[in-house]
Amino acid sequence: GAIIGLYFLPSPNNTHDKNIIASLMYTVVT
C-alpha cells in the first residue's frame, strides 16, 4: 500500500512530508 501509493499512484497534492511519512511506513514500521 505504501509503495504503490508513493511510486505508482502519486498525487499531485503530495508534499515532501507526506512522501517521507509513506517511506517510513515501509522502511521502518513494516
All heavy atoms as atom14 arrays in JSON, in Angstrom:
{
  "sequence": "GAIIGLYFLPSPNNTHDKNIIASLMYTVVT",
  "atom14_mask": [
    [1, 1, 1, 1, 0, 0, 0, 0, 0, 0, 0, 0, 0, 0],
    [1, 1, 1, 1, 1, 0, 0, 0, 0, 0, 0, 0, 0, 0],
    [1, 1, 1, 1, 1, 1, 1, 1, 0, 0, 0, 0, 0, 0],
    [1, 1, 1, 1, 1, 1, 1, 1, 0, 0, 0, 0, 0, 0],
    [1, 1, 1, 1, 0, 0, 0, 0, 0, 0, 0, 0, 0, 0],
    [1, 1, 1, 1, 1, 1, 1, 1, 0, 0, 0, 0, 0, 0],
    [1, 1, 1, 1, 1, 1, 1, 1, 1, 1, 1, 1, 0, 0],
    [1, 1, 1, 1, 1, 1, 1, 1, 1, 1, 1, 0, 0, 0],
    [1, 1, 1, 1, 1, 1, 1, 1, 0, 0, 0, 0, 0, 0],
    [1, 1, 1, 1, 1, 1, 1, 0, 0, 0, 0, 0, 0, 0],
    [1, 1, 1, 1, 1, 1, 0, 0, 0, 0, 0, 0, 0, 0],
    [1, 1, 1, 1, 1, 1, 1, 0, 0, 0, 0, 0, 0, 0],
    [1, 1, 1, 1, 1, 1, 1, 1, 0, 0, 0, 0, 0, 0],
    [1, 1, 1, 1, 1, 1, 1, 1, 0, 0, 0, 0, 0, 0],
    [1, 1, 1, 1, 1, 1, 1, 0, 0, 0, 0, 0, 0, 0],
    [1, 1, 1, 1, 1, 1, 1, 1, 1, 1, 0, 0, 0, 0],
    [1, 1, 1, 1, 1, 1, 1, 1, 0, 0, 0, 0, 0, 0],
    [1, 1, 1, 1, 1, 1, 1, 1, 1, 0, 0, 0, 0, 0],
    [1, 1, 1, 1, 1, 1, 1, 1, 0, 0, 0, 0, 0, 0],
    [1, 1, 1, 1, 1, 1, 1, 1, 0, 0, 0, 0, 0, 0],
    [1, 1, 1, 1, 1, 1, 1, 1, 0, 0, 0, 0, 0, 0],
    [1, 1, 1, 1, 1, 0, 0, 0, 0, 0, 0, 0, 0, 0],
    [1, 1, 1, 1, 1, 1, 0, 0, 0, 0, 0, 0, 0, 0],
    [1, 1, 1, 1, 1, 1, 1, 1, 0, 0, 0, 0, 0, 0],
    [1, 1, 1, 1, 1, 1, 1, 1, 0, 0, 0, 0, 0, 0],
    [1, 1, 1, 1, 1, 1, 1, 1, 1, 1, 1, 1, 0, 0],
    [1, 1, 1, 1, 1, 1, 1, 0, 0, 0, 0, 0, 0, 0],
    [1, 1, 1, 1, 1, 1, 1, 0, 0, 0, 0, 0, 0, 0],
    [1, 1, 1, 1, 1, 1, 1, 0, 0, 0, 0, 0, 0, 0],
    [1, 1, 1, 1, 1, 1, 1, 0, 0, 0, 0, 0, 0, 0]
  ],
  "atom14_positions": [
    [[0.82, -1.21, 0.0], [0.0, 0.0, 0.0], [0.85, 1.25, 0.0], [0.59, 2.2, -0.76], [0.0, 0.0, 0.0], [0.0, 0.0, 0.0], [0.0, 0.0, 0.0], [0.0, 0.0, 0.0], [0.0, 0.0, 0.0], [0.0, 0.0, 0.0], [0.0, 0.0, 0.0], [0.0, 0.0, 0.0], [0.0, 0.0, 0.0], [0.0, 0.0, 0.0]],
    [[1.89, 1.27, 0.85], [2.77, 2.44, 0.93], [3.57, 2.62, -0.36], [3.69, 3.74, -0.88], [3.71, 2.3, 2.13], [0.0, 0.0, 0.0], [0.0, 0.0, 0.0], [0.0, 0.0, 0.0], [0.0, 0.0, 0.0], [0.0, 0.0, 0.0], [0.0, 0.0, 0.0], [0.0, 0.0, 0.0], [0.0, 0.0, 0.0], [0.0, 0.0, 0.0]],
    [[4.12, 1.53, -0.9], [4.97, 1.63, -2.09], [4.16, 2.03, -3.32], [4.56, 2.92, -4.08], [5.7, 0.29, -2.34], [6.73, 0.05, -1.24], [6.39, 0.3, -3.7], [7.51, -1.24, -1.4], [0.0, 0.0, 0.0], [0.0, 0.0, 0.0], [0.0, 0.0, 0.0], [0.0, 0.0, 0.0], [0.0, 0.0, 0.0], [0.0, 0.0, 0.0]],
    [[3.02, 1.37, -3.53], [2.21, 1.67, -4.71], [1.67, 3.1, -4.64], [1.68, 3.84, -5.63], [1.05, 0.67, -4.83], [1.62, -0.72, -5.17], [0.06, 1.1, -5.9], [0.59, -1.82, -5.17], [0.0, 0.0, 0.0], [0.0, 0.0, 0.0], [0.0, 0.0, 0.0], [0.0, 0.0, 0.0], [0.0, 0.0, 0.0], [0.0, 0.0, 0.0]],
    [[1.23, 3.52, -3.45], [0.73, 4.88, -3.31], [1.81, 5.93, -3.53], [1.55, 7.02, -4.06], [0.0, 0.0, 0.0], [0.0, 0.0, 0.0], [0.0, 0.0, 0.0], [0.0, 0.0, 0.0], [0.0, 0.0, 0.0], [0.0, 0.0, 0.0], [0.0, 0.0, 0.0], [0.0, 0.0, 0.0], [0.0, 0.0, 0.0], [0.0, 0.0, 0.0]],
    [[3.05, 5.58, -3.18], [4.15, 6.55, -3.27], [4.74, 6.62, -4.67], [5.02, 7.72, -5.18], [5.24, 6.17, -2.26], [6.41, 7.15, -2.09], [5.9, 8.51, -1.64], [7.41, 6.61, -1.08], [0.0, 0.0, 0.0], [0.0, 0.0, 0.0], [0.0, 0.0, 0.0], [0.0, 0.0, 0.0], [0.0, 0.0, 0.0], [0.0, 0.0, 0.0]],
    [[4.94, 5.47, -5.32], [5.67, 5.44, -6.58], [4.8, 5.24, -7.82], [5.18, 5.66, -8.91], [6.74, 4.34, -6.54], [7.83, 4.61, -5.53], [7.85, 3.97, -4.3], [8.84, 5.54, -5.8], [8.84, 4.22, -3.36], [9.84, 5.8, -4.88], [9.83, 5.14, -3.66], [10.81, 5.39, -2.75], [0.0, 0.0, 0.0], [0.0, 0.0, 0.0]],
    [[3.64, 4.57, -7.66], [2.84, 4.26, -8.84], [1.56, 5.08, -8.94], [1.02, 5.25, -10.02], [2.49, 2.76, -8.84], [3.68, 1.87, -9.05], [4.39, 1.37, -7.97], [4.12, 1.55, -10.33], [5.5, 0.57, -8.16], [5.23, 0.75, -10.53], [5.92, 0.25, -9.45], [0.0, 0.0, 0.0], [0.0, 0.0, 0.0], [0.0, 0.0, 0.0]],
    [[1.08, 5.56, -7.81], [-0.13, 6.39, -7.82], [0.13, 7.7, -7.07], [-0.6, 8.05, -6.14], [-1.3, 5.64, -7.17], [-1.72, 4.33, -7.86], [-2.74, 3.6, -7.01], [-2.24, 4.59, -9.26], [0.0, 0.0, 0.0], [0.0, 0.0, 0.0], [0.0, 0.0, 0.0], [0.0, 0.0, 0.0], [0.0, 0.0, 0.0], [0.0, 0.0, 0.0]],
    [[1.16, 8.43, -7.45], [1.47, 9.66, -6.73], [0.42, 10.74, -6.98], [-0.03, 10.94, -8.1], [2.83, 10.08, -7.32], [2.83, 9.5, -8.69], [2.06, 8.21, -8.6], [0.0, 0.0, 0.0], [0.0, 0.0, 0.0], [0.0, 0.0, 0.0], [0.0, 0.0, 0.0], [0.0, 0.0, 0.0], [0.0, 0.0, 0.0], [0.0, 0.0, 0.0]],
    [[0.06, 11.41, -5.92], [-0.9, 12.5, -6.04], [-0.17, 13.81, -6.27], [0.88, 14.06, -5.66], [-1.75, 12.59, -4.77], [-2.52, 13.77, -4.76], [0.0, 0.0, 0.0], [0.0, 0.0, 0.0], [0.0, 0.0, 0.0], [0.0, 0.0, 0.0], [0.0, 0.0, 0.0], [0.0, 0.0, 0.0], [0.0, 0.0, 0.0], [0.0, 0.0, 0.0]],
    [[-0.68, 14.68, -7.14], [-0.04, 15.98, -7.35], [-0.06, 16.84, -6.09], [0.71, 17.8, -5.97], [-0.87, 16.61, -8.48], [-2.18, 15.89, -8.44], [-1.86, 14.5, -8.0], [0.0, 0.0, 0.0], [0.0, 0.0, 0.0], [0.0, 0.0, 0.0], [0.0, 0.0, 0.0], [0.0, 0.0, 0.0], [0.0, 0.0, 0.0], [0.0, 0.0, 0.0]],
    [[-0.95, 16.49, -5.16], [-1.03, 17.25, -3.91], [-0.07, 16.75, -2.84], [0.02, 17.33, -1.76], [-2.47, 17.18, -3.36], [-3.48, 17.81, -4.31], [-3.18, 18.8, -4.96], [-4.66, 17.21, -4.4], [0.0, 0.0, 0.0], [0.0, 0.0, 0.0], [0.0, 0.0, 0.0], [0.0, 0.0, 0.0], [0.0, 0.0, 0.0], [0.0, 0.0, 0.0]],
    [[0.63, 15.64, -3.14], [1.56, 15.09, -2.16], [2.72, 16.04, -1.92], [3.37, 16.51, -2.85], [2.1, 13.73, -2.64], [1.17, 12.6, -2.29], [0.08, 12.83, -1.78], [1.58, 11.38, -2.56], [0.0, 0.0, 0.0], [0.0, 0.0, 0.0], [0.0, 0.0, 0.0], [0.0, 0.0, 0.0], [0.0, 0.0, 0.0], [0.0, 0.0, 0.0]],
    [[3.02, 16.31, -0.66], [4.17, 17.13, -0.31], [5.33, 16.21, 0.05], [5.18, 15.0, 0.16], [3.82, 18.02, 0.9], [3.5, 17.17, 2.02], [2.63, 18.91, 0.58], [0.0, 0.0, 0.0], [0.0, 0.0, 0.0], [0.0, 0.0, 0.0], [0.0, 0.0, 0.0], [0.0, 0.0, 0.0], [0.0, 0.0, 0.0], [0.0, 0.0, 0.0]],
    [[6.51, 16.84, 0.22], [7.68, 16.05, 0.64], [7.42, 15.38, 1.98], [7.85, 14.24, 2.21], [8.9, 16.96, 0.72], [9.37, 17.49, -0.6], [9.59, 16.67, -1.69], [9.67, 18.75, -1.02], [10.0, 17.39, -2.72], [10.05, 18.66, -2.34], [0.0, 0.0, 0.0], [0.0, 0.0, 0.0], [0.0, 0.0, 0.0], [0.0, 0.0, 0.0]],
    [[6.71, 16.06, 2.86], [6.44, 15.5, 4.19], [5.6, 14.23, 4.09], [5.87, 13.23, 4.77], [5.73, 16.52, 5.07], [6.62, 17.71, 5.42], [7.81, 17.68, 5.03], [6.14, 18.65, 6.07], [0.0, 0.0, 0.0], [0.0, 0.0, 0.0], [0.0, 0.0, 0.0], [0.0, 0.0, 0.0], [0.0, 0.0, 0.0], [0.0, 0.0, 0.0]],
    [[4.57, 14.25, 3.23], [3.73, 13.07, 3.05], [4.51, 11.91, 2.45], [4.33, 10.75, 2.83], [2.53, 13.41, 2.16], [1.51, 14.34, 2.81], [0.34, 14.6, 1.88], [-0.68, 15.52, 2.53], [-1.83, 15.81, 1.62], [0.0, 0.0, 0.0], [0.0, 0.0, 0.0], [0.0, 0.0, 0.0], [0.0, 0.0, 0.0], [0.0, 0.0, 0.0]],
    [[5.4, 12.22, 1.51], [6.24, 11.17, 0.91], [7.17, 10.55, 1.94], [7.39, 9.33, 1.93], [7.05, 11.75, -0.24], [6.18, 12.13, -1.43], [5.06, 11.63, -1.57], [6.69, 13.0, -2.29], [0.0, 0.0, 0.0], [0.0, 0.0, 0.0], [0.0, 0.0, 0.0], [0.0, 0.0, 0.0], [0.0, 0.0, 0.0], [0.0, 0.0, 0.0]],
    [[7.7, 11.36, 2.82], [8.6, 10.86, 3.86], [7.84, 9.95, 4.82], [8.33, 8.88, 5.22], [9.26, 12.03, 4.61], [10.28, 12.74, 3.71], [9.94, 11.54, 5.88], [10.88, 13.98, 4.3], [0.0, 0.0, 0.0], [0.0, 0.0, 0.0], [0.0, 0.0, 0.0], [0.0, 0.0, 0.0], [0.0, 0.0, 0.0], [0.0, 0.0, 0.0]],
    [[6.64, 10.36, 5.2], [5.82, 9.54, 6.1], [5.49, 8.19, 5.46], [5.58, 7.14, 6.1], [4.53, 10.29, 6.49], [4.88, 11.51, 7.35], [3.57, 9.36, 7.24], [3.71, 12.42, 7.63], [0.0, 0.0, 0.0], [0.0, 0.0, 0.0], [0.0, 0.0, 0.0], [0.0, 0.0, 0.0], [0.0, 0.0, 0.0], [0.0, 0.0, 0.0]],
    [[5.14, 8.22, 4.16], [4.85, 6.97, 3.45], [6.09, 6.08, 3.38], [6.0, 4.86, 3.54], [4.35, 7.27, 2.04], [0.0, 0.0, 0.0], [0.0, 0.0, 0.0], [0.0, 0.0, 0.0], [0.0, 0.0, 0.0], [0.0, 0.0, 0.0], [0.0, 0.0, 0.0], [0.0, 0.0, 0.0], [0.0, 0.0, 0.0], [0.0, 0.0, 0.0]],
    [[7.25, 6.69, 3.18], [8.5, 5.92, 3.13], [8.81, 5.3, 4.48], [9.31, 4.17, 4.56], [9.66, 6.82, 2.69], [9.45, 7.32, 1.39], [0.0, 0.0, 0.0], [0.0, 0.0, 0.0], [0.0, 0.0, 0.0], [0.0, 0.0, 0.0], [0.0, 0.0, 0.0], [0.0, 0.0, 0.0], [0.0, 0.0, 0.0], [0.0, 0.0, 0.0]],
    [[8.53, 6.03, 5.55], [8.76, 5.49, 6.9], [7.9, 4.25, 7.15], [8.33, 3.33, 7.87], [8.46, 6.55, 7.95], [9.49, 7.67, 8.13], [8.94, 8.75, 9.07], [10.8, 7.12, 8.67], [0.0, 0.0, 0.0], [0.0, 0.0, 0.0], [0.0, 0.0, 0.0], [0.0, 0.0, 0.0], [0.0, 0.0, 0.0], [0.0, 0.0, 0.0]],
    [[6.72, 4.2, 6.55], [5.83, 3.07, 6.77], [6.44, 1.77, 6.3], [6.37, 0.75, 6.99], [4.49, 3.31, 6.06], [3.65, 4.42, 6.66], [3.23, 4.11, 8.4], [2.17, 2.69, 8.22], [0.0, 0.0, 0.0], [0.0, 0.0, 0.0], [0.0, 0.0, 0.0], [0.0, 0.0, 0.0], [0.0, 0.0, 0.0], [0.0, 0.0, 0.0]],
    [[7.06, 1.78, 5.12], [7.59, 0.5, 4.6], [9.08, 0.3, 4.86], [9.58, -0.82, 4.7], [7.27, 0.34, 3.11], [8.04, 1.22, 2.15], [9.25, 0.81, 1.63], [7.54, 2.45, 1.75], [9.95, 1.6, 0.74], [8.23, 3.25, 0.86], [9.43, 2.81, 0.35], [10.13, 3.61, -0.53], [0.0, 0.0, 0.0], [0.0, 0.0, 0.0]],
    [[9.8, 1.35, 5.27], [11.22, 1.17, 5.58], [11.49, 0.95, 7.06], [12.49, 0.33, 7.43], [12.05, 2.38, 5.11], [11.56, 3.56, 5.76], [11.97, 2.56, 3.61], [0.0, 0.0, 0.0], [0.0, 0.0, 0.0], [0.0, 0.0, 0.0], [0.0, 0.0, 0.0], [0.0, 0.0, 0.0], [0.0, 0.0, 0.0], [0.0, 0.0, 0.0]],
    [[10.62, 1.48, 7.93], [10.85, 1.4, 9.37], [9.75, 0.6, 10.07], [10.04, -0.32, 10.84], [10.94, 2.82, 9.99], [11.19, 2.72, 11.48], [12.06, 3.63, 9.32], [0.0, 0.0, 0.0], [0.0, 0.0, 0.0], [0.0, 0.0, 0.0], [0.0, 0.0, 0.0], [0.0, 0.0, 0.0], [0.0, 0.0, 0.0], [0.0, 0.0, 0.0]],
    [[8.5, 0.96, 9.79], [7.38, 0.36, 10.54], [7.17, -1.11, 10.19], [7.08, -1.97, 11.06], [6.08, 1.17, 10.3], [4.91, 0.5, 11.03], [6.26, 2.6, 10.78], [0.0, 0.0, 0.0], [0.0, 0.0, 0.0], [0.0, 0.0, 0.0], [0.0, 0.0, 0.0], [0.0, 0.0, 0.0], [0.0, 0.0, 0.0], [0.0, 0.0, 0.0]],
    [[7.08, -1.41, 8.88], [6.81, -2.8, 8.47], [7.87, -3.78, 8.94], [7.53, -4.83, 9.5], [6.65, -2.88, 6.94], [5.61, -1.99, 6.53], [6.31, -4.29, 6.51], [0.0, 0.0, 0.0], [0.0, 0.0, 0.0], [0.0, 0.0, 0.0], [0.0, 0.0, 0.0], [0.0, 0.0, 0.0], [0.0, 0.0, 0.0], [0.0, 0.0, 0.0]]
  ]
}
